[in-house]
Protein backbone atom coordinates (compact mmCIF):
# COMPACT_ATOMS: atom_id res chain seq x y z
CA MET A 1 -36.41 1.19 42.64
CA ASP A 2 -34.13 3.05 40.89
CA SER A 3 -34.65 6.51 41.71
CA PRO A 4 -35.04 8.84 38.37
CA VAL A 5 -32.16 10.12 38.07
CA SER A 6 -30.98 6.88 37.81
CA ALA A 7 -33.37 6.08 34.70
CA ALA A 8 -32.63 9.50 33.19
CA PHE A 9 -29.03 8.66 33.44
CA ILE A 10 -29.35 5.44 31.58
CA SER A 11 -31.69 6.90 29.14
CA LEU A 12 -29.06 9.21 28.16
CA ILE A 13 -26.49 6.34 28.05
CA LEU A 14 -28.79 4.57 25.29
CA PHE A 15 -29.76 7.80 23.65
CA SER A 16 -25.65 8.84 22.78
CA LEU A 17 -25.08 5.48 22.03
CA LEU A 18 -27.98 5.12 19.54
CA SER A 19 -26.86 9.01 18.32
CA PHE A 20 -23.11 7.75 18.06
CA LEU A 21 -23.78 4.46 16.36
CA THR A 22 -26.22 5.89 13.78
CA THR A 23 -23.55 8.95 12.92
CA TYR A 24 -20.95 6.02 12.60
CA ARG A 25 -23.48 4.47 9.78
CA LEU A 26 -24.33 7.18 8.19
CA ILE A 27 -20.40 8.31 7.84
CA SER A 28 -20.06 4.78 6.81
CA LEU A 29 -22.64 5.03 4.43
CA TYR A 30 -21.77 8.33 2.60
CA HIS A 31 -17.32 6.96 2.52
CA ALA A 32 -19.26 3.97 0.98
CA ASN A 33 -18.63 4.39 -2.83
CA PRO A 34 -14.92 5.96 -3.77
CA SER A 35 -14.65 9.03 -5.35
CA ILE A 36 -13.40 8.88 -9.04
CA HIS A 37 -10.34 10.81 -9.96
CA ARG A 38 -9.40 10.85 -14.18
CA THR A 39 -7.47 13.66 -14.66
CA ILE A 40 -3.69 14.48 -14.55
CA PRO A 41 -3.62 16.81 -12.25
CA GLU A 42 -6.06 14.35 -10.17
CA LEU A 43 -4.25 11.66 -10.81
CA GLN A 44 -0.90 12.13 -9.81
CA HIS A 45 -2.52 14.01 -6.71
CA LEU A 46 -3.82 10.68 -5.73
CA LEU A 47 -1.36 8.46 -6.51
CA SER A 48 1.43 10.73 -5.50
CA PRO A 49 0.15 13.03 -2.86
CA PRO A 50 2.63 15.50 -1.97
CA ASN A 51 4.31 15.54 1.64
CA ALA A 52 3.00 11.52 2.00
CA ASN A 53 5.66 9.68 3.44
CA ASN A 54 6.31 6.00 3.22
CA TYR A 55 4.37 4.52 5.89
CA ASP A 56 0.83 6.93 4.82
CA LEU A 57 1.76 5.58 0.91
CA LEU A 58 1.99 2.25 2.03
CA THR A 59 -1.05 2.45 4.26
CA SER A 60 -3.39 3.71 1.71
CA ARG A 61 -2.23 1.10 -0.63
CA ALA A 62 -2.26 -1.86 1.92
CA LEU A 63 -6.23 -0.63 2.93
CA PRO A 64 -8.05 -1.60 -0.19
CA ASN A 65 -6.15 -4.67 -1.02
CA ALA A 66 -7.13 -6.15 2.50
CA ARG A 67 -9.43 -8.94 0.18
CA LEU A 68 -6.30 -9.87 -0.95
CA VAL A 69 -4.92 -11.45 2.40
CA LYS A 70 -8.48 -12.99 3.03
CA ALA A 71 -8.01 -14.58 -0.32
CA PHE A 72 -4.76 -15.70 -0.78
CA ALA A 73 -2.96 -15.12 2.40
CA LEU A 74 -0.57 -12.76 0.83
CA THR A 75 2.07 -10.87 3.11
CA ASN A 76 4.16 -8.64 0.77
CA THR A 77 3.84 -5.15 0.16
CA PHE A 78 0.65 -4.56 -1.73
CA VAL A 79 -1.33 -5.87 1.76
CA SER A 80 1.43 -4.22 4.13
CA SER A 81 1.83 -0.82 5.83
CA ASP A 82 5.81 -1.97 6.88
CA ILE A 83 8.43 -0.04 5.29
CA GLY A 84 10.77 -2.84 6.20
CA VAL A 85 8.33 -5.43 4.23
CA HIS A 86 8.30 -2.99 1.46
CA ALA A 87 11.76 -2.37 1.41
CA ALA A 88 12.32 -5.98 1.74
CA PHE A 89 9.77 -6.95 -0.90
CA VAL A 90 11.54 -4.12 -3.45
CA GLY A 91 14.83 -5.11 -3.19
CA ARG A 92 14.03 -8.92 -3.44
CA MET A 93 12.09 -8.13 -7.04
CA MET A 94 14.90 -5.78 -8.11
CA SER A 95 17.72 -8.36 -7.35
CA LEU A 96 15.50 -11.33 -9.52
CA LEU A 97 14.97 -8.60 -12.86
CA LYS A 98 18.80 -8.00 -12.70
CA ALA A 99 19.51 -11.59 -12.39
CA ALA A 100 17.35 -12.30 -15.06
CA THR A 101 18.92 -9.25 -17.37
CA GLU A 102 22.55 -10.56 -16.69
CA ARG A 103 21.53 -13.90 -18.04
CA GLY A 104 19.84 -12.00 -20.98
CA TRP A 105 17.34 -11.83 -23.54
CA THR A 106 18.31 -14.60 -25.89
CA LEU A 107 18.28 -17.03 -22.43
CA PHE A 108 14.79 -15.49 -22.03
CA GLN A 109 13.40 -16.35 -25.04
CA THR A 110 14.79 -19.67 -25.56
CA ILE A 111 12.44 -19.95 -21.77
CA ALA A 112 9.43 -18.70 -23.85
CA ILE A 113 9.84 -21.12 -26.57
CA ASP A 114 10.16 -24.24 -24.28
CA SER A 115 7.10 -23.10 -22.56
CA VAL A 116 5.18 -22.78 -25.42
CA GLU A 117 5.94 -26.13 -26.81
CA GLU A 118 5.23 -27.36 -23.45
CA ALA A 119 1.60 -25.95 -23.18
CA LEU A 120 0.92 -27.28 -26.61
CA HIS A 121 1.49 -30.66 -25.54
CA ALA A 122 -0.73 -30.18 -22.65
CA ASP A 123 -4.28 -31.13 -22.72
CA GLY A 124 -7.26 -28.69 -23.63
CA LYS A 125 -6.14 -25.70 -26.04
CA ASP A 126 -8.54 -22.88 -24.27
CA PHE A 127 -6.84 -19.79 -25.71
CA ASP A 128 -6.54 -18.08 -21.94
CA VAL A 129 -5.67 -21.41 -20.46
CA PHE A 130 -3.31 -22.11 -22.91
CA VAL A 131 -1.32 -18.39 -22.03
CA GLN A 132 -1.69 -18.91 -18.69
CA ASP A 133 0.30 -22.18 -19.13
CA VAL A 134 3.48 -20.35 -21.20
CA THR A 135 3.61 -17.30 -18.57
CA MET A 136 3.46 -19.22 -14.97
CA ARG A 137 6.53 -21.52 -16.88
CA VAL A 138 8.04 -18.52 -17.78
CA ALA A 139 7.44 -16.49 -14.76
CA LEU A 140 8.95 -19.71 -12.55
CA VAL A 141 12.05 -20.66 -14.33
CA ALA A 142 12.72 -17.20 -16.05
CA ILE A 143 12.23 -14.50 -13.07
CA LEU A 144 11.74 -16.44 -10.18
CA ASP A 145 14.67 -18.55 -10.77
CA VAL A 146 13.17 -21.86 -10.00
CA ASP A 147 15.98 -24.00 -10.40
CA VAL A 148 13.83 -27.08 -12.69
CA PRO A 149 13.55 -27.00 -16.64
CA VAL A 150 10.56 -25.99 -18.10
CA GLY A 151 9.52 -29.22 -19.40
CA GLU A 152 9.62 -30.82 -16.06
CA LEU A 153 7.21 -28.61 -14.16
CA ASN A 154 3.93 -30.56 -13.44
CA SER A 155 1.17 -29.34 -16.16
CA GLU A 156 -1.80 -30.18 -13.79
CA ASP A 157 0.24 -28.18 -11.01
CA ILE A 158 0.49 -25.48 -13.62
CA HIS A 159 -2.98 -25.57 -14.16
CA VAL A 160 -4.08 -25.78 -10.99
CA VAL A 161 -2.43 -23.27 -9.64
CA SER A 162 -3.24 -20.81 -12.60
CA THR A 163 -6.78 -21.69 -12.51
CA LEU A 164 -7.25 -21.07 -8.46
CA ILE A 165 -5.36 -17.72 -8.58
CA THR A 166 -7.96 -16.24 -11.26
CA LYS A 167 -11.18 -18.29 -9.26
CA LEU A 168 -9.71 -16.85 -5.87
CA TRP A 169 -8.82 -13.33 -7.53
CA SER A 170 -12.88 -13.67 -8.78
CA LEU A 171 -13.97 -14.49 -5.81
CA SER A 172 -12.56 -11.74 -3.16
CA LYS A 173 -14.08 -9.13 -4.82
CA HIS A 174 -17.74 -10.40 -3.82
CA PRO A 175 -18.86 -10.40 -0.06
CA GLU A 176 -19.55 -14.27 0.50
CA PRO A 177 -17.35 -16.48 2.17
CA ILE A 178 -14.54 -17.72 0.03
CA PRO A 179 -14.78 -22.14 0.49
CA ALA A 180 -12.17 -22.93 3.04
CA GLU A 181 -10.44 -25.42 0.93
CA LEU A 182 -9.27 -23.88 -2.44
CA LEU A 183 -6.48 -22.33 -0.67
CA PRO A 184 -4.62 -25.15 1.10
CA GLN A 185 -5.17 -26.69 -2.30
CA LEU A 186 -3.41 -23.72 -4.43
CA ASN A 187 -0.98 -24.00 -1.97
CA HIS A 188 -0.21 -27.28 -2.22
CA HIS A 189 0.15 -27.37 -5.86
CA LEU A 190 2.36 -24.45 -5.96
CA ARG A 191 4.78 -25.99 -3.32
CA ARG A 192 5.22 -28.91 -5.51
CA LEU A 193 6.25 -26.23 -8.64
CA MET A 194 8.05 -24.43 -5.74
CA PRO A 195 9.84 -26.52 -3.23
CA ASP A 196 12.38 -24.11 -1.77
CA GLU A 197 10.97 -22.70 1.14
CA SER A 198 13.81 -20.84 2.69
CA GLU A 199 13.84 -18.90 -0.84
CA TYR A 200 9.72 -18.49 -0.98
CA PRO A 201 8.01 -18.90 2.44
CA ASN A 202 5.17 -17.82 1.00
CA PRO A 203 5.42 -18.02 -3.15
CA LEU A 204 2.50 -16.40 -3.55
CA ASP A 205 4.06 -13.22 -2.44
CA PHE A 206 6.27 -13.28 -5.28
CA VAL A 207 3.84 -15.58 -8.05
CA ILE A 208 0.87 -13.36 -7.94
CA PRO A 209 2.91 -9.96 -8.77
CA VAL A 210 4.63 -11.47 -11.23
CA TRP A 211 2.22 -13.90 -13.17
CA GLU A 212 -1.11 -12.32 -12.84
CA THR A 213 -0.34 -9.46 -14.61
CA MET A 214 2.23 -10.83 -17.32
CA TRP A 215 -0.18 -13.78 -18.55
CA ARG A 216 -3.37 -10.82 -19.86
CA VAL A 217 -1.16 -8.27 -21.24
CA VAL A 218 0.63 -11.61 -23.58
CA ALA A 219 -2.73 -12.67 -24.54
CA THR A 220 -4.86 -9.15 -25.62
CA SER A 221 -1.29 -8.54 -27.46
CA VAL A 222 -1.23 -11.79 -29.39
CA ALA A 223 -5.01 -11.31 -29.71
CA TYR A 224 -4.09 -7.78 -31.00
CA ALA A 225 -1.47 -9.13 -32.98
CA GLN A 226 -3.22 -12.21 -34.83
CA ALA A 227 -5.55 -9.17 -36.33
CA SER A 228 -2.48 -7.28 -37.80
CA SER A 229 -1.30 -7.47 -41.34
CA TYR A 230 2.21 -5.84 -39.94
CA SER A 231 2.70 -7.73 -36.59
CA SER A 232 3.83 -11.20 -38.24
CA ASP A 233 7.13 -8.51 -39.15
CA ILE A 234 7.88 -6.97 -36.29
CA PHE A 235 7.41 -9.69 -33.93
CA SER A 236 9.60 -11.80 -36.22
CA ARG A 237 12.11 -9.16 -35.73
CA ILE A 238 12.33 -9.68 -31.83
CA ARG A 239 12.16 -13.35 -32.32
CA SER A 240 15.62 -13.40 -34.55
CA SER A 241 17.04 -10.77 -32.59
CA PRO A 242 15.81 -10.52 -29.02
CA THR A 243 17.53 -7.02 -27.87
CA MET A 244 16.54 -3.74 -26.30
CA ASP A 245 17.00 -1.86 -29.95
CA ARG A 246 15.15 -4.68 -31.82
CA PHE A 247 12.33 -3.97 -28.91
CA ARG A 248 12.29 -0.39 -29.48
CA HIS A 249 13.05 -0.39 -33.47
CA PHE A 250 10.77 1.91 -35.71
CA ASP A 251 11.19 1.12 -38.60
CA GLY A 252 9.38 4.30 -40.88
CA THR A 253 6.37 2.25 -41.49
CA HIS A 254 5.66 -0.34 -39.17
CA PRO A 255 5.28 0.53 -35.45
CA SER A 256 7.79 -1.14 -32.99
CA VAL A 257 7.14 -3.89 -30.30
CA GLU A 258 7.37 -1.35 -27.70
CA TRP A 259 4.60 1.19 -29.34
CA PHE A 260 2.53 -2.55 -29.66
CA ILE A 261 2.84 -3.59 -26.37
CA THR A 262 2.59 0.00 -25.05
CA GLU A 263 -0.49 0.63 -26.95
CA VAL A 264 -2.36 -3.05 -25.90
CA MET A 265 -1.69 -1.57 -22.14
CA ARG A 266 -3.33 1.56 -23.11
CA LEU A 267 -6.28 0.23 -24.37
CA HIS A 268 -6.61 -2.91 -21.64
CA PRO A 269 -4.33 -1.99 -18.41
CA PRO A 270 -3.99 -4.43 -16.04
CA SER A 271 -5.64 -2.21 -13.43
CA GLN A 272 -8.46 -0.35 -14.46
CA HIS A 273 -8.70 0.98 -11.32
CA ILE A 274 -6.37 1.76 -8.82
CA THR A 275 -7.76 1.96 -5.17
CA ARG A 276 -6.39 4.17 -2.32
CA ALA A 277 -8.09 4.63 1.13
CA SER A 278 -7.58 6.85 4.34
CA PRO A 279 -8.78 6.19 7.66
CA ILE A 280 -11.81 8.60 9.39
CA LEU A 281 -11.38 9.51 12.55
CA PRO A 282 -14.73 11.83 12.96
CA PHE A 283 -14.68 11.51 17.01
CA ARG A 284 -10.70 12.33 17.46
CA THR A 285 -11.41 16.22 18.70
CA PHE A 286 -13.55 15.08 21.77
CA VAL A 287 -13.08 11.91 22.52
CA PRO A 288 -9.71 10.06 24.43
CA PRO A 289 -6.78 9.02 22.51
CA ASN A 290 -8.08 5.50 22.39
CA PHE A 291 -11.27 5.57 21.52
CA ASN A 292 -10.84 5.71 17.84
CA LYS A 293 -9.09 2.29 18.14
CA LEU A 294 -12.00 0.62 20.38
CA ILE A 295 -14.24 1.20 18.06
CA THR A 296 -12.36 0.13 14.98
CA LYS A 297 -12.10 -2.85 16.43
CA LEU A 298 -15.87 -3.25 17.45
CA PHE A 299 -17.48 -2.00 14.16
CA GLY A 300 -14.85 -1.96 11.51
CA PRO A 301 -12.41 1.24 10.61
CA LEU A 302 -14.05 3.87 8.96
CA LEU A 303 -12.10 4.35 5.36
CA ARG A 304 -11.80 7.14 2.64
CA HIS A 305 -11.51 5.01 -0.52
CA ASP A 306 -10.53 7.01 -3.60
CA CYS A 307 -10.52 5.28 -7.05
CA ALA A 308 -7.89 6.59 -10.25
CA ASP A 309 -9.62 5.42 -12.91
CA ILE A 310 -6.79 4.47 -15.24
CA GLY A 311 -9.29 2.70 -17.75
CA THR A 312 -11.01 6.11 -18.74
CA ALA A 313 -7.52 8.33 -18.41
CA LEU A 314 -6.20 6.32 -20.83
CA ARG A 315 -9.33 6.61 -22.97
CA LEU A 316 -9.84 10.44 -22.96
CA LYS A 317 -10.43 11.98 -26.22
CA CYS A 318 -9.30 15.13 -25.00
CA ILE A 319 -5.87 13.63 -24.19
CA TRP A 320 -5.97 10.72 -27.28
CA GLY A 321 -7.80 12.28 -30.09
CA THR A 322 -10.99 11.07 -31.52
CA ASP A 323 -10.11 7.26 -32.50
CA ALA A 324 -9.04 7.57 -28.30
CA ASP A 325 -11.12 4.26 -28.62
CA THR A 326 -8.72 2.74 -31.80
CA PHE A 327 -6.26 0.21 -31.35
CA GLU A 328 -3.56 2.26 -32.93
CA PRO A 329 0.46 1.76 -31.90
CA LEU A 330 2.04 4.25 -34.24
CA ARG A 331 0.14 7.00 -32.00
CA PHE A 332 3.35 6.93 -29.95
CA SER A 333 5.79 8.42 -32.99
CA ARG A 334 4.41 11.60 -32.31
CA VAL A 335 3.33 12.14 -28.34
CA THR A 336 2.10 15.11 -26.56
CA ARG A 337 2.98 16.09 -23.22
CA GLU A 338 0.07 15.09 -21.74
CA GLN A 339 0.35 11.35 -23.51
CA GLU A 340 3.67 10.85 -22.27
CA MET A 341 3.13 11.71 -19.12
CA ILE A 342 0.04 9.49 -18.39
CA LYS A 343 0.78 6.44 -20.96
CA SER A 344 3.35 4.65 -18.32
CA LEU A 345 0.15 4.74 -15.71
CA PRO A 346 -1.36 0.67 -15.98
CA PHE A 347 2.25 0.54 -14.30
CA GLY A 348 1.23 3.36 -11.17
CA TYR A 349 2.64 6.25 -10.54
CA GLY A 350 5.10 7.99 -7.97
CA ARG A 351 7.18 6.31 -5.42
CA LEU A 352 5.11 2.83 -5.47
CA LYS A 353 5.33 2.69 -9.19
CA CYS A 354 5.25 -0.87 -10.40
CA VAL A 355 9.59 -2.08 -10.20
CA ALA A 356 9.74 -3.65 -13.33
CA ALA A 357 8.00 -0.69 -15.76
CA GLY A 358 11.06 -0.99 -17.48
CA TRP A 359 11.71 -4.25 -18.01
CA ALA A 360 8.33 -6.07 -18.49
CA PRO A 361 6.85 -4.49 -21.20
CA MET A 362 10.06 -6.48 -23.14
CA ALA A 363 9.60 -9.60 -21.76
CA ALA A 364 5.48 -9.37 -22.59
CA GLY A 365 6.61 -8.54 -26.60
CA ILE A 366 9.09 -11.97 -26.63
CA ILE A 367 6.36 -13.87 -25.01
CA SER A 368 3.84 -12.72 -27.57
CA ALA A 369 6.46 -13.23 -30.31
CA ALA A 370 7.34 -17.55 -29.33
CA ILE A 371 3.44 -17.52 -28.99
CA LEU A 372 2.71 -15.92 -32.62
CA ASP A 373 5.44 -18.04 -33.85
CA ARG A 374 3.94 -21.53 -33.41
CA VAL A 375 0.10 -20.16 -34.57
CA GLN A 376 1.19 -17.88 -37.18
CA GLU A 377 -0.12 -19.13 -41.50
CA GLY A 378 2.25 -22.03 -42.26
CA SER A 379 2.44 -23.40 -38.31
CA ASP A 380 1.24 -26.46 -37.42
CA PHE A 381 -1.54 -24.40 -34.86
CA GLY A 382 -3.79 -22.04 -35.44
CA LEU A 383 -5.39 -19.17 -33.36
CA VAL A 384 -9.09 -19.27 -33.62
CA ALA A 385 -10.39 -15.59 -32.42
CA GLY A 386 -13.56 -14.99 -30.49
CA LYS A 387 -16.33 -12.68 -30.46
CA CYS A 388 -14.19 -10.11 -27.78
CA ILE A 389 -10.53 -9.52 -26.12
CA GLY A 390 -11.12 -10.43 -23.10
CA GLY A 391 -9.21 -9.83 -18.95
CA ARG A 392 -9.19 -12.19 -16.41
CA GLU A 393 -11.86 -13.85 -17.75
CA GLY A 394 -14.14 -13.24 -20.54
CA TRP A 395 -12.07 -15.06 -23.33
CA SER A 396 -15.21 -17.16 -25.15
CA GLY A 397 -14.19 -18.65 -28.15
CA TRP A 398 -10.60 -18.17 -27.97
CA SER A 399 -8.73 -21.41 -28.59
CA VAL A 400 -5.21 -22.59 -30.25
CA VAL A 401 -5.84 -25.61 -32.44
CA PRO A 402 -4.23 -28.11 -34.99
CA VAL A 403 -3.85 -26.10 -38.15
CA ALA A 404 -6.70 -28.22 -40.10
CA ALA A 405 -8.97 -28.03 -36.86
CA SER A 406 -8.53 -24.23 -37.36
CA SER A 407 -9.46 -24.08 -40.85
CA ARG A 408 -12.41 -25.87 -40.50
CA LYS A 409 -13.32 -23.29 -37.73
CA SER A 410 -12.07 -20.56 -39.93
CA MET A 411 -14.74 -21.69 -42.91
């Protein structure tokens, strides 16, 4: 028979293990919901913490994005804490943007115009699908430098890739398993569009950052422009002269296209929330050094989540005034110090700020202008507006239709 001492020892071990698991579970539950940050100092401290090294910054971004690895098998800097991966990705993106700029905005505009024409000839004219088609073609040819004429990109491939990226992104936010066949299907159609494996070993690493935000900014810009009395005038100027000076031009009466796009991104930032996470090591002071690693491997990591509430910060009445919820691009004709500090928050803040922050708004303006030119009054296509402006989803009722059908739907 076991001695009383042995039984007591086993009971102590079991009690200690139960106490540990209970404590671990309580800590996990305590940190299940993120801490929300909305004030300027809080946002700056979260997104650019003082004394943080690059590894810490990359880790805090990568941990909340683990779901994107599961959904898309991404390997880029947004899901990695590796400094080398970050340097390689940023270097490649800056090289692509530099090349696109050197080719000139006139060529970029031509590609956008051709992309609109191709999308108009595709089956179905749901507005979100149409804008996804246009921006995917522009992203591939004008930014990622895929050496194929816009008209030779397969429309079915474009549609499947756009649809599946949006679907997988949505599914990644839920705990249920993602259907295993979706990612291989997405990669199959994307590889047909981007066949050069040496240039793009994992095409989604670049397509998602370039396209996924851009199409929503363009769609929202076009939606606001179709309801504006002056948008035809300001966007026609950038169509006639696609230069940075024209993009920023303020005629004293109507806002510049730059202010228009900035206001779109203020009210509808592509990322309403930016989350950062940091590991919690509650037992490091009284356990062996490798114990926390073992516990993490067995039970998963304990993480503290902090959320930068970008969407709320960009609508705070104490910063933007009583009309903070109103679309008014002219507000940027005179900005306060606080407004200037946070108007670019949709692109992030600090060392991990989007490398395209100074380039993407102009690109969005040119693509929007190309679309508006084909759905404005007097064109053979029209834009039918839905009840509300969507995001990745929520564009029910919005469509691009032949002008006769547009007239009937507007009656």
